[in-house]
N, C-alpha and C. Protein backbone atom coordinates (compact mmCIF):
# COMPACT_ATOMS: atom_id res chain seq x y z
N UNK A 1 -47.38 203.95 -44.92
CA UNK A 1 -47.17 204.02 -45.85
C UNK A 1 -45.86 203.37 -45.78
N UNK A 2 -45.72 202.31 -46.44
CA UNK A 2 -44.31 201.23 -46.60
C UNK A 2 -43.01 202.49 -47.02
N UNK A 3 -42.05 202.24 -46.77
CA UNK A 3 -40.87 203.00 -47.01
C UNK A 3 -40.42 202.32 -48.48
N UNK A 4 -39.96 203.07 -49.70
CA UNK A 4 -39.36 202.49 -50.80
C UNK A 4 -38.47 201.17 -50.45
N UNK A 5 -37.77 201.47 -49.16
CA UNK A 5 -36.54 200.46 -49.21
C UNK A 5 -37.13 199.12 -48.54
N UNK A 6 -38.22 199.14 -47.80
CA UNK A 6 -38.85 198.25 -46.89
C UNK A 6 -39.77 197.80 -48.36
N UNK A 7 -40.20 198.49 -49.17
CA UNK A 7 -40.73 197.58 -50.37
C UNK A 7 -39.72 196.41 -51.48
N UNK A 8 -38.74 197.22 -51.68
CA UNK A 8 -38.04 196.99 -52.45
C UNK A 8 -37.02 195.48 -51.74
N UNK A 9 -36.80 195.77 -50.09
CA UNK A 9 -36.49 194.12 -49.28
C UNK A 9 -37.57 193.39 -49.51
N UNK A 10 -38.83 193.76 -49.91
CA UNK A 10 -39.83 192.18 -49.69
C UNK A 10 -39.86 191.96 -51.14
N UNK A 11 -39.70 192.99 -52.15
CA UNK A 11 -39.43 192.34 -53.72
C UNK A 11 -38.29 191.55 -53.32
N UNK A 12 -37.26 191.83 -53.17
CA UNK A 12 -36.34 190.98 -52.96
C UNK A 12 -36.33 189.76 -52.98
N UNK A 13 -36.90 189.63 -51.43
CA UNK A 13 -36.89 188.66 -50.86
C UNK A 13 -37.71 187.87 -51.34
N UNK A 14 -38.98 188.06 -52.41
CA UNK A 14 -39.99 187.45 -52.86
C UNK A 14 -39.15 186.38 -54.01
N UNK A 15 -38.44 187.59 -54.90
CA UNK A 15 -37.77 186.84 -55.56
C UNK A 15 -36.49 186.58 -55.87
N UNK A 16 -35.83 186.15 -54.19
CA UNK A 16 -34.96 185.43 -53.75
C UNK A 16 -33.68 185.49 -54.94
N UNK A 17 -33.36 186.74 -55.66
CA UNK A 17 -32.42 186.74 -56.45
C UNK A 17 -32.05 188.35 -56.78
N UNK A 18 -30.83 188.83 -56.81
CA UNK A 18 -30.05 190.36 -57.52
C UNK A 18 -30.96 190.79 -58.17
N UNK A 19 -32.07 191.97 -58.45
CA UNK A 19 -32.44 192.77 -59.50
C UNK A 19 -32.14 193.76 -60.06
N UNK A 20 -31.95 194.13 -61.06
CA UNK A 20 -32.03 195.70 -61.57
C UNK A 20 -32.53 196.80 -61.07
N UNK A 21 -31.86 197.63 -60.99
CA UNK A 21 -33.02 199.09 -60.06
C UNK A 21 -34.19 199.56 -61.19
N UNK A 22 -34.07 199.28 -62.26
CA UNK A 22 -34.95 199.37 -63.17
C UNK A 22 -35.97 199.00 -62.93
N UNK A 23 -36.02 197.39 -62.99
CA UNK A 23 -37.04 196.53 -62.59
C UNK A 23 -37.80 196.66 -61.56
N UNK A 24 -36.92 196.92 -60.24
CA UNK A 24 -37.30 196.97 -58.78
C UNK A 24 -38.43 198.26 -58.68
N UNK A 25 -37.61 199.32 -59.80
CA UNK A 25 -38.82 200.97 -59.97
C UNK A 25 -40.33 200.16 -60.36
N UNK A 26 -40.23 199.29 -61.52
CA UNK A 26 -41.34 198.93 -61.70
C UNK A 26 -42.22 198.78 -60.76
N UNK A 27 -41.66 197.81 -60.48
CA UNK A 27 -42.57 196.89 -58.79
C UNK A 27 -43.16 197.62 -57.77
N UNK A 28 -42.14 198.69 -57.48
CA UNK A 28 -42.47 199.34 -56.19
C UNK A 28 -43.70 200.38 -56.97
N UNK A 29 -43.28 200.79 -57.71
CA UNK A 29 -44.16 202.07 -58.41
C UNK A 29 -45.80 201.03 -58.42
N UNK A 30 -45.93 199.70 -58.78
CA UNK A 30 -47.00 199.15 -58.54
C UNK A 30 -47.55 199.39 -56.95
N UNK A 31 -47.18 199.07 -55.88
CA UNK A 31 -47.21 199.42 -54.71
C UNK A 31 -47.80 200.53 -54.15
N UNK A 32 -46.74 201.74 -54.90
CA UNK A 32 -46.98 203.40 -54.06
C UNK A 32 -46.34 204.06 -54.95
N UNK A 33 -47.11 205.77 -54.90
CA UNK A 33 -46.28 206.23 -55.56
C UNK A 33 -44.68 206.87 -55.16
N UNK A 34 -43.84 207.41 -55.96
CA UNK A 34 -42.78 207.82 -55.85
C UNK A 34 -42.98 209.46 -56.50
N UNK A 35 -42.84 210.22 -55.26
CA UNK A 35 -43.30 211.84 -55.39
C UNK A 35 -41.73 212.18 -56.02
N UNK A 36 -41.60 212.06 -57.10
CA UNK A 36 -40.29 212.55 -58.09
C UNK A 36 -40.49 212.53 -59.52
N UNK A 37 -39.76 213.30 -59.86
CA UNK A 37 -40.20 213.50 -61.89
C UNK A 37 -39.36 211.91 -62.02
N UNK A 38 -38.20 211.68 -61.59
CA UNK A 38 -37.48 210.45 -61.99
C UNK A 38 -37.11 209.39 -60.70
N UNK A 39 -38.44 208.32 -60.67
CA UNK A 39 -38.63 207.71 -60.03
C UNK A 39 -37.44 206.66 -59.85
N UNK A 40 -36.89 206.35 -60.89
CA UNK A 40 -35.58 205.25 -61.34
C UNK A 40 -34.47 205.75 -60.62
N UNK A 41 -34.05 207.31 -60.58
CA UNK A 41 -32.87 207.73 -59.93
C UNK A 41 -33.69 208.20 -58.67
N UNK A 42 -34.32 208.12 -57.61
CA UNK A 42 -34.70 207.99 -56.33
C UNK A 42 -34.42 206.43 -55.99
N UNK A 43 -35.17 205.55 -56.58
CA UNK A 43 -34.75 204.02 -56.14
C UNK A 43 -33.43 203.89 -56.42
N UNK A 44 -32.48 203.98 -57.20
CA UNK A 44 -31.24 204.02 -57.44
C UNK A 44 -30.59 205.04 -56.06
N UNK A 45 -31.01 205.68 -55.43
CA UNK A 45 -30.42 206.74 -54.56
C UNK A 45 -30.49 205.79 -53.17
N UNK A 46 -32.18 205.40 -53.30
CA UNK A 46 -31.97 204.55 -51.87
C UNK A 46 -31.11 203.25 -52.15
N UNK A 47 -30.92 202.91 -52.95
CA UNK A 47 -30.29 201.36 -53.13
C UNK A 47 -28.69 201.33 -52.70
N UNK A 48 -28.38 202.49 -52.98
CA UNK A 48 -26.83 203.09 -52.73
C UNK A 48 -26.44 203.59 -51.53
N UNK A 49 -27.71 203.78 -50.55
CA UNK A 49 -27.30 204.45 -49.66
C UNK A 49 -27.95 203.72 -48.29
N UNK A 50 -28.67 202.92 -48.73
CA UNK A 50 -29.53 202.42 -47.83
C UNK A 50 -28.83 200.72 -47.51
N UNK A 51 -28.07 200.16 -46.13
CA UNK A 51 -27.28 199.37 -45.47
C UNK A 51 -27.62 198.07 -46.07
N UNK A 52 -28.78 197.93 -46.05
CA UNK A 52 -29.64 196.47 -46.56
C UNK A 52 -29.36 196.26 -48.02
N UNK A 53 -28.43 196.52 -48.73
CA UNK A 53 -28.74 196.54 -50.02
C UNK A 53 -27.15 196.69 -50.43
N UNK A 54 -26.78 195.31 -51.36
CA UNK A 54 -25.52 195.75 -52.04
C UNK A 54 -25.46 195.83 -53.61
N UNK A 55 -24.48 196.11 -54.23
CA UNK A 55 -24.44 196.30 -55.75
C UNK A 55 -23.79 194.88 -56.09
N UNK A 56 -24.26 193.91 -56.75
CA UNK A 56 -23.71 193.09 -57.30
C UNK A 56 -22.74 192.97 -58.75
N UNK A 57 -23.77 193.58 -59.52
CA UNK A 57 -22.98 194.09 -60.86
C UNK A 57 -23.60 195.72 -61.39
N UNK A 58 -23.51 195.73 -62.24
CA UNK A 58 -23.70 197.62 -62.87
C UNK A 58 -25.31 197.33 -62.91
N UNK A 59 -25.86 198.42 -61.94
CA UNK A 59 -27.50 198.45 -61.67
C UNK A 59 -28.00 197.66 -60.99
N UNK A 60 -27.21 196.20 -60.61
CA UNK A 60 -27.70 195.10 -59.91
C UNK A 60 -27.71 195.06 -58.93
N UNK A 61 -28.53 194.69 -58.07
CA UNK A 61 -28.61 194.80 -56.42
C UNK A 61 -29.55 193.88 -56.26
N UNK A 62 -28.54 193.57 -54.42
CA UNK A 62 -29.32 192.34 -53.70
C UNK A 62 -29.29 192.62 -52.42
N UNK A 63 -29.99 191.73 -51.59
CA UNK A 63 -29.79 192.42 -50.08
C UNK A 63 -28.35 192.15 -49.64
N UNK A 64 -27.80 192.85 -48.79
CA UNK A 64 -26.74 192.99 -48.28
C UNK A 64 -26.13 191.73 -47.34
N UNK A 65 -27.42 191.16 -47.12
CA UNK A 65 -26.92 190.15 -45.95
C UNK A 65 -27.30 188.29 -47.15
N UNK A 66 -27.36 188.58 -48.15
CA UNK A 66 -27.55 187.51 -48.59
C UNK A 66 -25.81 187.13 -49.02
N UNK A 67 -25.05 186.37 -48.55
CA UNK A 67 -23.72 186.14 -49.02
C UNK A 67 -23.02 185.28 -50.32
N UNK A 68 -24.10 184.96 -50.60
CA UNK A 68 -23.64 184.22 -52.23
C UNK A 68 -23.38 184.99 -53.08
N UNK A 69 -23.79 186.40 -53.15
CA UNK A 69 -23.60 187.17 -54.29
C UNK A 69 -22.10 187.99 -53.69
N UNK A 70 -21.61 188.54 -53.90
CA UNK A 70 -20.50 189.15 -53.48
C UNK A 70 -21.01 190.64 -54.21
N UNK A 71 -20.25 191.47 -53.60
CA UNK A 71 -19.95 192.87 -54.10
C UNK A 71 -19.51 193.31 -55.10
N UNK A 72 -19.72 193.44 -56.31
CA UNK A 72 -19.29 194.21 -57.15
C UNK A 72 -18.14 195.56 -56.97
N UNK A 73 -16.92 195.18 -57.11
CA UNK A 73 -16.29 196.30 -57.31
C UNK A 73 -15.73 197.07 -58.50
N UNK A 74 -15.21 198.31 -58.46
CA UNK A 74 -15.46 198.78 -59.56
C UNK A 74 -13.82 198.76 -60.10
N UNK A 75 -14.16 198.92 -61.34
CA UNK A 75 -12.67 198.74 -61.99
C UNK A 75 -12.00 199.23 -61.41
N UNK A 76 -11.16 200.75 -60.88
CA UNK A 76 -10.43 201.29 -60.47
C UNK A 76 -10.01 200.63 -59.02
N UNK A 77 -10.66 200.20 -58.11
CA UNK A 77 -10.00 199.75 -57.25
C UNK A 77 -9.43 198.10 -57.54
N UNK A 78 -10.16 197.18 -58.32
CA UNK A 78 -9.51 195.83 -58.74
C UNK A 78 -8.10 196.43 -59.72
N UNK A 79 -7.87 197.71 -60.16
CA UNK A 79 -6.57 198.15 -61.00
C UNK A 79 -5.76 198.59 -59.69
N UNK A 80 -5.90 198.70 -58.80
CA UNK A 80 -5.23 199.28 -57.94
C UNK A 80 -4.54 198.22 -57.24
N UNK A 81 -5.46 197.17 -56.94
CA UNK A 81 -4.99 196.21 -55.95
C UNK A 81 -4.33 195.07 -57.11
N UNK A 82 -4.61 195.05 -58.17
CA UNK A 82 -2.81 194.73 -59.32
C UNK A 82 -2.14 195.21 -59.37
N UNK A 83 -2.00 196.51 -59.35
CA UNK A 83 -0.85 197.12 -59.83
C UNK A 83 -0.17 197.19 -58.14
N UNK A 84 -0.66 197.14 -57.27
CA UNK A 84 -0.15 196.78 -55.65
C UNK A 84 0.45 195.75 -55.80
N UNK A 85 -0.11 194.60 -56.20
CA UNK A 85 -0.01 193.52 -55.96
C UNK A 85 1.46 193.36 -57.23
N UNK A 86 1.16 193.67 -57.93
CA UNK A 86 2.54 193.65 -59.08
C UNK A 86 3.83 194.07 -59.03
N UNK A 87 3.41 195.00 -58.21
CA UNK A 87 4.65 196.11 -57.62
C UNK A 87 5.45 196.30 -58.76
N UNK A 88 5.07 196.67 -59.88
CA UNK A 88 5.61 197.11 -61.21
C UNK A 88 4.35 197.83 -62.39
N UNK A 89 4.91 199.18 -62.93
CA UNK A 89 3.98 199.59 -63.72
C UNK A 89 3.93 198.49 -64.64
N UNK A 90 2.62 198.54 -65.47
CA UNK A 90 1.81 197.58 -66.94
C UNK A 90 1.23 198.31 -68.19
N UNK A 91 1.10 197.57 -68.63
CA UNK A 91 0.44 198.08 -70.03
C UNK A 91 -0.79 198.35 -69.44
N UNK A 92 -1.58 199.34 -70.34
CA UNK A 92 -2.97 198.85 -70.20
C UNK A 92 -3.59 197.89 -70.70
N UNK A 93 -2.93 197.29 -71.74
CA UNK A 93 -3.50 195.96 -71.77
C UNK A 93 -3.42 194.96 -70.78
N UNK A 94 -2.24 194.78 -70.48
CA UNK A 94 -2.05 193.80 -69.55
C UNK A 94 -2.95 193.65 -68.34
N UNK A 95 -3.52 195.81 -67.64
CA UNK A 95 -4.01 195.51 -66.91
C UNK A 95 -5.54 195.49 -66.97
N UNK A 96 -5.79 195.95 -67.84
CA UNK A 96 -7.38 195.21 -68.70
C UNK A 96 -7.45 194.01 -68.29
N UNK A 97 -6.28 193.09 -68.77
CA UNK A 97 -6.68 191.89 -68.99
C UNK A 97 -7.19 191.19 -67.49
N UNK A 98 -5.88 192.01 -66.61
CA UNK A 98 -6.21 191.16 -65.52
C UNK A 98 -7.78 191.79 -64.64
N UNK A 99 -7.78 192.79 -64.67
CA UNK A 99 -9.18 193.60 -64.57
C UNK A 99 -10.38 192.43 -64.91
N UNK A 100 -10.15 192.20 -66.10
CA UNK A 100 -11.48 190.97 -66.93
C UNK A 100 -11.18 189.87 -66.35
N UNK A 101 -10.46 189.39 -65.47
CA UNK A 101 -10.28 188.16 -64.95
C UNK A 101 -11.14 188.34 -63.64
N UNK A 102 -11.22 189.34 -63.14
CA UNK A 102 -12.02 189.73 -61.90
C UNK A 102 -13.24 190.21 -62.05
N UNK A 103 -13.72 190.57 -63.33
CA UNK A 103 -14.74 190.79 -62.98
C UNK A 103 -15.17 191.43 -64.91
N UNK A 104 -16.87 191.07 -65.34
CA UNK A 104 -16.64 191.76 -66.80
C UNK A 104 -16.98 193.16 -67.17
N UNK A 105 -17.19 193.54 -68.22
CA UNK A 105 -16.94 194.79 -68.54
C UNK A 105 -16.93 194.80 -69.83
N UNK A 106 -17.46 195.95 -70.41
CA UNK A 106 -17.85 195.86 -71.89
C UNK A 106 -16.24 196.47 -72.75
N UNK A 107 -16.20 196.13 -73.63
CA UNK A 107 -14.67 196.96 -74.29
C UNK A 107 -13.56 195.83 -74.62
N UNK A 108 -12.67 196.00 -75.10
CA UNK A 108 -11.15 195.63 -75.06
C UNK A 108 -10.63 195.81 -73.57
N UNK A 109 -9.36 194.95 -73.46
CA UNK A 109 -8.88 195.22 -72.41
C UNK A 109 -8.36 196.43 -71.92
N UNK A 110 -7.71 196.95 -72.71
CA UNK A 110 -6.63 198.37 -72.57
C UNK A 110 -7.75 199.20 -72.51
N UNK A 111 -8.88 199.27 -73.09
CA UNK A 111 -10.31 200.37 -73.17
C UNK A 111 -11.02 200.36 -71.54
N UNK A 112 -10.99 199.01 -71.20
CA UNK A 112 -11.25 198.42 -69.64
C UNK A 112 -10.42 199.74 -68.59
N UNK A 113 -9.54 199.41 -69.12
CA UNK A 113 -8.11 199.53 -68.07
C UNK A 113 -8.14 201.15 -68.16
N UNK A 114 -7.93 201.70 -69.52
CA UNK A 114 -8.39 203.19 -69.74
C UNK A 114 -9.06 203.83 -68.65
N UNK A 115 -10.41 203.45 -68.97
CA UNK A 115 -11.53 203.33 -68.10
C UNK A 115 -11.67 203.63 -66.40
N UNK A 116 -10.24 202.48 -65.92
CA UNK A 116 -11.08 202.32 -64.80
C UNK A 116 -9.71 203.25 -63.92
N UNK A 117 -8.68 203.58 -64.93
CA UNK A 117 -7.53 204.64 -64.44
C UNK A 117 -7.83 206.29 -64.25
N UNK A 118 -8.93 206.45 -65.31
CA UNK A 118 -8.88 207.37 -65.72
C UNK A 118 -9.46 208.57 -64.55
N UNK A 119 -9.28 209.58 -64.81
CA UNK A 119 -9.30 211.11 -63.64
C UNK A 119 -9.02 210.60 -62.10
N UNK A 120 -8.24 209.17 -62.02
CA UNK A 120 -8.43 208.79 -60.82
C UNK A 120 -6.86 209.32 -60.18
N UNK A 121 -6.63 209.95 -59.34
CA UNK A 121 -5.34 210.65 -58.99
C UNK A 121 -4.60 209.44 -58.25
N UNK A 122 -4.73 208.27 -58.56
CA UNK A 122 -4.19 207.35 -57.84
C UNK A 122 -3.18 206.38 -58.73
N UNK A 123 -3.67 207.14 -60.24
CA UNK A 123 -2.48 206.26 -61.13
C UNK A 123 -2.11 207.52 -61.46
N UNK A 124 -1.11 206.68 -62.75
CA UNK A 124 0.14 207.54 -64.01
C UNK A 124 -0.03 206.96 -64.96
N UNK A 125 -0.05 207.54 -66.17
CA UNK A 125 0.21 206.66 -67.43
C UNK A 125 1.55 207.60 -67.96
N UNK A 126 2.29 206.74 -68.35
CA UNK A 126 3.69 207.10 -69.20
C UNK A 126 3.43 207.27 -70.42
N UNK A 127 3.67 208.00 -70.95
CA UNK A 127 3.18 208.36 -72.98
C UNK A 127 4.37 207.17 -73.49
N UNK A 128 5.46 207.75 -72.56
CA UNK A 128 6.85 207.50 -73.00
C UNK A 128 7.05 205.90 -73.12
N UNK A 129 6.55 205.07 -71.84
CA UNK A 129 7.15 203.83 -71.50
C UNK A 129 5.22 202.62 -72.06
N UNK A 130 4.59 203.61 -72.26
CA UNK A 130 2.99 203.49 -72.09
C UNK A 130 2.83 202.15 -71.31
N UNK A 131 2.93 202.37 -69.90
CA UNK A 131 2.59 201.82 -68.80
C UNK A 131 1.81 202.43 -67.55
N UNK A 132 0.78 202.07 -67.02
CA UNK A 132 0.35 202.79 -65.87
C UNK A 132 0.87 202.45 -64.95
N UNK A 133 1.00 203.04 -63.95
CA UNK A 133 1.64 202.73 -62.40
C UNK A 133 0.70 203.74 -61.44
N UNK A 134 1.47 203.73 -60.14
CA UNK A 134 0.63 203.75 -58.74
C UNK A 134 1.31 205.53 -59.05
N UNK A 135 0.69 206.53 -58.62
CA UNK A 135 1.26 207.81 -58.31
C UNK A 135 2.41 207.84 -57.24
N UNK A 136 2.01 206.95 -56.32
CA UNK A 136 2.94 207.10 -55.27
C UNK A 136 4.28 206.35 -55.25
N UNK A 137 4.49 205.84 -56.70
CA UNK A 137 5.52 205.25 -56.89
C UNK A 137 6.27 206.19 -57.26
N UNK A 138 5.87 207.57 -58.42
CA UNK A 138 6.66 208.35 -58.10
C UNK A 138 7.73 208.82 -57.74
N UNK A 139 8.73 209.49 -58.23
CA UNK A 139 10.04 209.48 -57.23
C UNK A 139 10.31 211.02 -57.41
N UNK A 140 9.98 211.51 -55.88
CA UNK A 140 10.18 212.53 -55.39
C UNK A 140 11.36 213.40 -55.26
């Protein structure tokens, strides 16, 4: 019996475009059963762990060998690069606008930035100045 990963690889090659993991799951289930109570989670797990695949958008995957589709970066990584390049604290709105220039996320710029830096120890938010900065910039 073919593996889930090899079936998904065949499907992506046949479609010749990235696909959402829910659609991939439906197509895999037409070819073989998935012994899991939640087959969508099984497929998603294979997609994120198998080096043959890469994430190109939220829930959308392509073959890693397809160079025409760049890997989708997480908002927090985009935010880190922006702050590193600017070398100064910036407002949530500024950060969100800069993040949205690289990749589309839902919500207003400040909300996008807030979600990107939330619970990530690399960032600090100063309520007094209302600016986001990198934790490593804090004076010791």
